[in-house]
Protein backbone atom coordinates (compact mmCIF):
# COMPACT_ATOMS: atom_id res chain seq x y z
CA UNK A 1 39.15 205.76 -134.31
CA UNK A 2 43.45 205.44 -133.88
CA UNK A 3 44.54 201.85 -133.86
CA UNK A 4 45.34 200.23 -131.46
CA UNK A 5 48.28 197.17 -131.57
CA UNK A 6 48.81 195.30 -127.79
CA UNK A 7 51.50 193.06 -127.43
CA UNK A 8 51.24 190.50 -124.67
CA UNK A 9 53.79 190.60 -122.02
CA UNK A 10 56.66 188.17 -122.10
CA UNK A 11 59.40 190.23 -119.30
CA UNK A 12 58.25 190.94 -115.97
CA UNK A 13 61.05 193.87 -115.09
CA UNK A 14 63.90 194.55 -117.64
CA UNK A 15 66.95 197.72 -117.98
CA UNK A 16 67.35 199.46 -121.11
CA UNK A 17 70.17 200.69 -121.36
CA UNK A 18 72.33 203.59 -123.54
CA UNK A 19 76.02 203.59 -123.93
CA UNK A 20 77.35 206.34 -124.05
CA UNK A 21 81.20 207.81 -123.59
CA UNK A 22 81.12 208.34 -120.41
CA UNK A 23 77.61 208.12 -118.74
CA UNK A 24 75.24 204.66 -119.10
CA UNK A 25 71.46 205.71 -118.84
CA UNK A 26 69.23 203.07 -117.77
CA UNK A 27 65.50 203.01 -117.33
CA UNK A 28 64.03 199.63 -115.41
CA UNK A 29 60.31 198.58 -117.21
CA UNK A 30 58.04 196.75 -114.72
CA UNK A 31 55.21 195.83 -116.95
CA UNK A 32 53.68 198.77 -118.75
CA UNK A 33 53.06 199.86 -115.17
CA UNK A 34 56.50 201.80 -114.32
CA UNK A 35 59.28 202.96 -115.30
CA UNK A 36 62.69 204.46 -113.54
CA UNK A 37 65.64 205.87 -115.40
CA UNK A 38 69.64 206.65 -113.52
CA UNK A 39 72.00 207.94 -114.72
CA UNK A 40 75.80 205.48 -114.40
CA UNK A 41 79.55 206.85 -114.77
CA UNK A 42 80.83 204.81 -117.17
CA UNK A 43 83.65 203.73 -114.75
CA UNK A 44 84.11 200.31 -112.58
CA UNK A 45 82.58 201.90 -108.94
CA UNK A 46 79.06 202.94 -111.41
CA UNK A 47 78.76 199.68 -113.08
CA UNK A 48 78.77 198.21 -110.12
CA UNK A 49 76.13 200.19 -108.88
CA UNK A 50 74.45 199.73 -112.11
CA UNK A 51 74.40 195.97 -111.09
CA UNK A 52 73.56 196.36 -108.09
CA UNK A 53 70.36 198.52 -108.33
CA UNK A 54 69.36 196.28 -111.36
CA UNK A 55 69.50 193.23 -108.72
CA UNK A 56 67.79 194.75 -106.71
CA UNK A 57 64.94 195.50 -109.08
CA UNK A 58 64.90 191.88 -110.01
CA UNK A 59 65.66 192.23 -113.45
CA UNK A 60 65.73 189.59 -115.73
CA UNK A 61 66.74 190.67 -118.52
CA UNK A 62 69.02 193.74 -120.32
CA UNK A 63 69.10 195.38 -123.67
CA UNK A 64 71.63 198.07 -124.73
CA UNK A 65 72.41 200.23 -127.44
CA UNK A 66 75.55 201.40 -128.41
CA UNK A 67 75.36 204.48 -131.08
CA UNK A 68 79.19 204.92 -131.31
CA UNK A 69 81.62 203.10 -133.54
């Protein structure tokens, strides 16, 4: 039998960002129930769209990973 480790949900709606040179991939998580992923460019208008998407979705926390130098 596989052991399952569960953690209490602390943040209701969050967004994880994976930052690349030309694109940013964002995934909004609503608990463990639903996930939505979108891609955005790295220009100002695309970042504004990313911000608006997060605000409209009720995101309260954002985490970011950048694998570049």
